[in-house]
Amino acid sequence: MLTKPLQKVFYNAPAPSSHILTFLDTNPPSKTLAIGVTTAVPPTPQSFTENPKFVSILNEVVSEYGHQDEDVIAQAKAFASPGGFNLGSGGSFFPGQHQQRHRGSSRKQGGGGGAGGDGAGGASAQGGPGGAGRGGFVHLSDRRNPPDFGRIAWPEDILGSVEVDESGEVVGKLQPSGTYRIVTNEGM
């Protein structure tokens, strides 16, 4: 939102019906370092045109420092956690894999994942946001529309992704997503 003191709005002299958005205080603003141009304040996805040079700079910064972000590091640790490994089929509460099968019983009975089945419970058996100690990828997203706990942000809010190993350590540097949008219906 433009109510935050970080973003500045300047009239665009060459095109009086538009405004230049920037993080810098200089007036006139540097068009090469501006966030973009909008025909409406506050900007909307329809009124905003992003500055490709700014997006390039943003991606460079995300690539260089995104893997050090506190949210990324916290997600990485949570991703590598067991995430409820002892719940669901084969766990301590529903020992589905250790059950004696009675003659004539169907493997389709009980769906697994906490239902006492044979482990075919899909995502239910995975238990929370953890990756069960297997590693994978986590995403750096902006905070304008935070996802619910254990959910992944909308692609338009994801700045980039980084690999996480089985112990919850970030591997390498963050890769820009290519789907990030500076202005969405949720704001800027």
C-alpha atoms as a PDB file:
ATOM      1  CA  MET A   1       0.000   0.000   0.000  1.00  0.00           C
ATOM      2  CA  LEU A   2       1.198   3.511  -0.638  1.00  0.00           C
ATOM      3  CA  THR A   3       0.419   4.560   2.918  1.00  0.00           C
ATOM      4  CA  LYS A   4       3.767   3.114   4.003  1.00  0.00           C
ATOM      5  CA  PRO A   5       6.462   5.792   4.284  1.00  0.00           C
ATOM      6  CA  LEU A   6       8.932   3.765   2.190  1.00  0.00           C
ATOM      7  CA  GLN A   7       7.238   4.309  -1.158  1.00  0.00           C
ATOM      8  CA  LYS A   8       7.255   7.764  -2.723  1.00  0.00           C
ATOM      9  CA  VAL A   9       4.900   9.041  -5.419  1.00  0.00           C
ATOM     10  CA  PHE A  10       6.026  11.679  -7.915  1.00  0.00           C
ATOM     11  CA  TYR A  11       4.186  13.213 -10.848  1.00  0.00           C
ATOM     12  CA  ASN A  12       5.553  12.001 -14.155  1.00  0.00           C
ATOM     13  CA  ALA A  13       6.269  15.251 -16.056  1.00  0.00           C
ATOM     14  CA  PRO A  14       6.479  13.663 -19.547  1.00  0.00           C
ATOM     15  CA  ALA A  15       3.124  11.928 -18.955  1.00  0.00           C
ATOM     16  CA  PRO A  16       1.060  14.108 -16.558  1.00  0.00           C
ATOM     17  CA  SER A  17      -1.668  11.477 -16.169  1.00  0.00           C
ATOM     18  CA  SER A  18       0.787   9.055 -14.557  1.00  0.00           C
ATOM     19  CA  HIS A  19       2.914   8.880 -11.414  1.00  0.00           C
ATOM     20  CA  ILE A  20       6.384   7.455 -10.786  1.00  0.00           C
ATOM     21  CA  LEU A  21       6.708   5.138  -7.778  1.00  0.00           C
ATOM     22  CA  THR A  22      10.091   4.917  -6.073  1.00  0.00           C
ATOM     23  CA  PHE A  23      11.813   4.161  -2.765  1.00  0.00           C
ATOM     24  CA  LEU A  24      14.200   7.094  -3.227  1.00  0.00           C
ATOM     25  CA  ASP A  25      13.659  10.683  -2.043  1.00  0.00           C
ATOM     26  CA  THR A  26      15.278  12.390  -5.032  1.00  0.00           C
ATOM     27  CA  ASN A  27      13.056  14.747  -6.988  1.00  0.00           C
ATOM     28  CA  PRO A  28      12.874  14.397  -9.898  1.00  0.00           C
ATOM     29  CA  PRO A  29      13.052  10.635  -9.401  1.00  0.00           C
ATOM     30  CA  SER A  30      15.457   8.431 -11.299  1.00  0.00           C
ATOM     31  CA  LYS A  31      13.336   6.567 -13.829  1.00  0.00           C
ATOM     32  CA  THR A  32      15.948   3.811 -14.120  1.00  0.00           C
ATOM     33  CA  LEU A  33      15.731   3.117 -10.357  1.00  0.00           C
ATOM     34  CA  ALA A  34      11.974   3.681 -10.002  1.00  0.00           C
ATOM     35  CA  ILE A  35       9.704   0.794  -9.009  1.00  0.00           C
ATOM     36  CA  GLY A  36       7.422   1.600 -11.918  1.00  0.00           C
ATOM     37  CA  VAL A  37       4.734   3.927 -13.243  1.00  0.00           C
ATOM     38  CA  THR A  38       1.023   4.014 -12.428  1.00  0.00           C
ATOM     39  CA  THR A  39      -1.992   5.882 -13.760  1.00  0.00           C
ATOM     40  CA  ALA A  40      -3.863   5.491 -10.444  1.00  0.00           C
ATOM     41  CA  VAL A  41      -2.977   6.099  -6.803  1.00  0.00           C
ATOM     42  CA  PRO A  42      -3.006   3.687  -5.102  1.00  0.00           C
ATOM     43  CA  PRO A  43      -1.749   1.515  -7.951  1.00  0.00           C
ATOM     44  CA  THR A  44      -3.660  -1.525  -9.164  1.00  0.00           C
ATOM     45  CA  PRO A  45      -2.455  -4.402 -11.328  1.00  0.00           C
ATOM     46  CA  GLN A  46      -4.269  -2.743 -14.247  1.00  0.00           C
ATOM     47  CA  SER A  47      -2.776   0.735 -13.711  1.00  0.00           C
ATOM     48  CA  PHE A  48       0.795  -0.251 -12.827  1.00  0.00           C
ATOM     49  CA  THR A  49       3.692  -0.862 -15.212  1.00  0.00           C
ATOM     50  CA  GLU A  50       6.797  -2.253 -13.536  1.00  0.00           C
ATOM     51  CA  ASN A  51      10.246  -0.967 -14.383  1.00  0.00           C
ATOM     52  CA  PRO A  52      12.256  -3.888 -15.855  1.00  0.00           C
ATOM     53  CA  LYS A  53      15.504  -2.385 -14.526  1.00  0.00           C
ATOM     54  CA  PHE A  54      14.069  -2.283 -10.980  1.00  0.00           C
ATOM     55  CA  VAL A  55      12.873  -5.896 -11.306  1.00  0.00           C
ATOM     56  CA  SER A  56      16.370  -6.893 -12.432  1.00  0.00           C
ATOM     57  CA  ILE A  57      17.916  -5.171  -9.390  1.00  0.00           C
ATOM     58  CA  LEU A  58      15.317  -6.772  -7.100  1.00  0.00           C
ATOM     59  CA  ASN A  59      16.129 -10.226  -8.508  1.00  0.00           C
ATOM     60  CA  GLU A  60      19.867  -9.627  -8.023  1.00  0.00           C
ATOM     61  CA  VAL A  61      19.324  -8.695  -4.368  1.00  0.00           C
ATOM     62  CA  VAL A  62      16.990 -11.665  -3.809  1.00  0.00           C
ATOM     63  CA  SER A  63      19.543 -14.014  -5.393  1.00  0.00           C
ATOM     64  CA  GLU A  64      22.420 -12.654  -3.329  1.00  0.00           C
ATOM     65  CA  TYR A  65      20.757 -12.315   0.089  1.00  0.00           C
ATOM     66  CA  GLY A  66      17.389 -14.119   0.039  1.00  0.00           C
ATOM     67  CA  HIS A  67      18.811 -17.348   1.457  1.00  0.00           C
ATOM     68  CA  GLN A  68      19.736 -15.394   4.625  1.00  0.00           C
ATOM     69  CA  ASP A  69      16.162 -14.174   5.249  1.00  0.00           C
ATOM     70  CA  GLU A  70      14.847 -15.106   8.701  1.00  0.00           C
ATOM     71  CA  ASP A  71      11.566 -16.434   7.251  1.00  0.00           C
ATOM     72  CA  VAL A  72      13.447 -18.682   4.809  1.00  0.00           C
ATOM     73  CA  ILE A  73      15.676 -20.053   7.577  1.00  0.00           C
ATOM     74  CA  ALA A  74      12.665 -20.713   9.840  1.00  0.00           C
ATOM     75  CA  GLN A  75      10.796 -22.459   7.007  1.00  0.00           C
ATOM     76  CA  ALA A  76      13.873 -24.563   6.263  1.00  0.00           C
ATOM     77  CA  LYS A  77      14.080 -25.746   9.879  1.00  0.00           C
ATOM     78  CA  ALA A  78      10.354 -26.535   9.950  1.00  0.00           C
ATOM     79  CA  PHE A  79      10.519 -28.278   6.587  1.00  0.00           C
ATOM     80  CA  ALA A  80      13.159 -30.712   7.803  1.00  0.00           C
ATOM     81  CA  SER A  81      11.306 -31.490  11.030  1.00  0.00           C
ATOM     82  CA  PRO A  82       9.552 -34.835  11.349  1.00  0.00           C
ATOM     83  CA  GLY A  83       6.231 -32.996  11.058  1.00  0.00           C
ATOM     84  CA  GLY A  84       4.126 -35.545  12.864  1.00  0.00           C
ATOM     85  CA  PHE A  85       6.004 -38.627  11.718  1.00  0.00           C
ATOM     86  CA  ASN A  86       4.631 -40.630  14.637  1.00  0.00           C
ATOM     87  CA  LEU A  87       1.021 -39.835  13.799  1.00  0.00           C
ATOM     88  CA  GLY A  88      -1.032 -41.477  11.116  1.00  0.00           C
ATOM     89  CA  SER A  89      -0.597 -44.911   9.612  1.00  0.00           C
ATOM     90  CA  GLY A  90       2.184 -46.907  11.118  1.00  0.00           C
ATOM     91  CA  GLY A  91       2.606 -44.410  13.930  1.00  0.00           C
ATOM     92  CA  SER A  92       2.171 -44.801  17.643  1.00  0.00           C
ATOM     93  CA  PHE A  93      -1.565 -44.053  17.648  1.00  0.00           C
ATOM     94  CA  PHE A  94      -2.613 -46.015  14.570  1.00  0.00           C
ATOM     95  CA  PRO A  95      -0.181 -48.856  14.006  1.00  0.00           C
ATOM     96  CA  GLY A  96      -1.678 -49.640  10.601  1.00  0.00           C
ATOM     97  CA  GLN A  97       1.377 -51.371   9.199  1.00  0.00           C
ATOM     98  CA  HIS A  98       1.611 -53.654  12.210  1.00  0.00           C
ATOM     99  CA  GLN A  99      -2.023 -54.740  12.231  1.00  0.00           C
ATOM    100  CA  GLN A 100      -2.995 -58.339  11.713  1.00  0.00           C
ATOM    101  CA  ARG A 101      -5.203 -58.573   8.663  1.00  0.00           C
ATOM    102  CA  HIS A 102      -8.196 -60.815   9.031  1.00  0.00           C
ATOM    103  CA  ARG A 103      -9.111 -63.098   6.215  1.00  0.00           C
ATOM    104  CA  GLY A 104     -11.475 -61.391   3.851  1.00  0.00           C
ATOM    105  CA  SER A 105     -10.717 -57.870   5.022  1.00  0.00           C
ATOM    106  CA  SER A 106     -10.094 -55.295   2.378  1.00  0.00           C
ATOM    107  CA  ARG A 107      -7.005 -53.100   2.204  1.00  0.00           C
ATOM    108  CA  LYS A 108      -9.368 -50.344   1.162  1.00  0.00           C
ATOM    109  CA  GLN A 109     -10.833 -50.180   4.653  1.00  0.00           C
ATOM    110  CA  GLY A 110      -9.378 -47.286   6.580  1.00  0.00           C
ATOM    111  CA  GLY A 111      -7.789 -44.623   4.483  1.00  0.00           C
ATOM    112  CA  GLY A 112      -4.485 -44.404   6.285  1.00  0.00           C
ATOM    113  CA  GLY A 113      -3.270 -41.034   7.412  1.00  0.00           C
ATOM    114  CA  GLY A 114      -4.665 -41.400  10.894  1.00  0.00           C
ATOM    115  CA  ALA A 115      -7.605 -43.587   9.931  1.00  0.00           C
ATOM    116  CA  GLY A 116      -5.831 -46.791  10.845  1.00  0.00           C
ATOM    117  CA  GLY A 117      -5.311 -47.922   7.261  1.00  0.00           C
ATOM    118  CA  ASP A 118      -2.320 -49.297   5.436  1.00  0.00           C
ATOM    119  CA  GLY A 119      -0.391 -46.093   4.894  1.00  0.00           C
ATOM    120  CA  ALA A 120      -2.122 -45.018   1.715  1.00  0.00           C
ATOM    121  CA  GLY A 121      -3.302 -41.847   3.397  1.00  0.00           C
ATOM    122  CA  GLY A 122      -1.568 -39.414   1.077  1.00  0.00           C
ATOM    123  CA  ALA A 123      -0.891 -35.973   2.463  1.00  0.00           C
ATOM    124  CA  SER A 124      -2.777 -36.767   5.662  1.00  0.00           C
ATOM    125  CA  ALA A 125      -0.030 -39.131   6.750  1.00  0.00           C
ATOM    126  CA  GLN A 126       2.690 -36.571   6.180  1.00  0.00           C
ATOM    127  CA  GLY A 127       1.747 -34.572   9.247  1.00  0.00           C
ATOM    128  CA  GLY A 128       1.956 -30.805   9.040  1.00  0.00           C
ATOM    129  CA  PRO A 129       4.375 -28.598   7.181  1.00  0.00           C
ATOM    130  CA  GLY A 130       7.442 -30.747   7.785  1.00  0.00           C
ATOM    131  CA  GLY A 131       9.135 -32.636   4.994  1.00  0.00           C
ATOM    132  CA  ALA A 132       9.772 -35.661   7.233  1.00  0.00           C
ATOM    133  CA  GLY A 133      13.506 -35.082   7.130  1.00  0.00           C
ATOM    134  CA  ARG A 134      13.790 -35.408   3.356  1.00  0.00           C
ATOM    135  CA  GLY A 135      14.645 -31.893   2.205  1.00  0.00           C
ATOM    136  CA  GLY A 136      13.067 -29.984  -0.663  1.00  0.00           C
ATOM    137  CA  PHE A 137      12.402 -26.326  -1.423  1.00  0.00           C
ATOM    138  CA  VAL A 138      11.120 -23.349   0.574  1.00  0.00           C
ATOM    139  CA  HIS A 139       9.973 -20.001  -0.762  1.00  0.00           C
ATOM    140  CA  LEU A 140      10.688 -16.380   0.099  1.00  0.00           C
ATOM    141  CA  SER A 141       7.493 -14.380  -0.207  1.00  0.00           C
ATOM    142  CA  ASP A 142       6.519 -10.839   0.616  1.00  0.00           C
ATOM    143  CA  ARG A 143       4.236 -10.197   3.576  1.00  0.00           C
ATOM    144  CA  ARG A 144       1.351  -8.359   1.911  1.00  0.00           C
ATOM    145  CA  ASN A 145      -0.829 -11.492   1.859  1.00  0.00           C
ATOM    146  CA  PRO A 146       0.712 -14.043   4.257  1.00  0.00           C
ATOM    147  CA  PRO A 147      -0.385 -17.631   3.658  1.00  0.00           C
ATOM    148  CA  ASP A 148      -2.010 -19.707   6.381  1.00  0.00           C
ATOM    149  CA  PHE A 149       0.385 -21.757   8.500  1.00  0.00           C
ATOM    150  CA  GLY A 150       1.754 -24.693   6.558  1.00  0.00           C
ATOM    151  CA  ARG A 151       0.604 -23.268   3.220  1.00  0.00           C
ATOM    152  CA  ILE A 152       2.611 -21.881   0.330  1.00  0.00           C
ATOM    153  CA  ALA A 153       2.131 -18.252  -0.723  1.00  0.00           C
ATOM    154  CA  TRP A 154       0.450 -17.348  -4.005  1.00  0.00           C
ATOM    155  CA  PRO A 155       2.921 -17.469  -6.936  1.00  0.00           C
ATOM    156  CA  GLU A 156       2.535 -13.696  -7.441  1.00  0.00           C
ATOM    157  CA  ASP A 157       3.808 -13.171  -3.862  1.00  0.00           C
ATOM    158  CA  ILE A 158       6.839 -15.504  -4.099  1.00  0.00           C
ATOM    159  CA  LEU A 159      10.124 -13.694  -4.702  1.00  0.00           C
ATOM    160  CA  GLY A 160      12.104 -16.901  -5.092  1.00  0.00           C
ATOM    161  CA  SER A 161      12.865 -20.411  -3.867  1.00  0.00           C
ATOM    162  CA  VAL A 162      15.835 -22.165  -2.324  1.00  0.00           C
ATOM    163  CA  GLU A 163      16.741 -25.801  -1.745  1.00  0.00           C
ATOM    164  CA  VAL A 164      16.791 -27.219   1.786  1.00  0.00           C
ATOM    165  CA  ASP A 165      18.646 -30.399   2.755  1.00  0.00           C
ATOM    166  CA  GLU A 166      17.337 -33.149   5.042  1.00  0.00           C
ATOM    167  CA  SER A 167      18.786 -31.450   8.141  1.00  0.00           C
ATOM    168  CA  GLY A 168      17.007 -28.143   7.503  1.00  0.00           C
ATOM    169  CA  GLU A 169      20.003 -26.249   6.139  1.00  0.00           C
ATOM    170  CA  VAL A 170      19.653 -23.962   3.136  1.00  0.00           C
ATOM    171  CA  VAL A 171      21.622 -25.255   0.143  1.00  0.00           C
ATOM    172  CA  GLY A 172      22.997 -22.565  -2.161  1.00  0.00           C
ATOM    173  CA  LYS A 173      21.338 -19.283  -3.001  1.00  0.00           C
ATOM    174  CA  LEU A 174      17.766 -18.337  -3.702  1.00  0.00           C
ATOM    175  CA  GLN A 175      16.541 -18.471  -7.299  1.00  0.00           C
ATOM    176  CA  PRO A 176      14.087 -15.738  -8.404  1.00  0.00           C
ATOM    177  CA  SER A 177      10.634 -17.138  -9.099  1.00  0.00           C
ATOM    178  CA  GLY A 178       9.780 -15.272 -12.279  1.00  0.00           C
ATOM    179  CA  THR A 179       6.164 -15.126 -11.081  1.00  0.00           C
ATOM    180  CA  TYR A 180       6.522 -12.280  -8.566  1.00  0.00           C
ATOM    181  CA  ARG A 181       4.300  -9.233  -9.112  1.00  0.00           C
ATOM    182  CA  ILE A 182       5.155  -5.919  -7.468  1.00  0.00           C
ATOM    183  CA  VAL A 183       1.505  -4.815  -7.428  1.00  0.00           C
ATOM    184  CA  THR A 184      -1.375  -7.229  -6.855  1.00  0.00           C
ATOM    185  CA  ASN A 185      -4.969  -6.801  -5.733  1.00  0.00           C
ATOM    186  CA  GLU A 186      -3.617  -7.144  -2.172  1.00  0.00           C
ATOM    187  CA  GLY A 187      -1.393  -4.073  -2.533  1.00  0.00           C
ATOM    188  CA  MET A 188       2.192  -3.199  -3.267  1.00  0.00           C
END
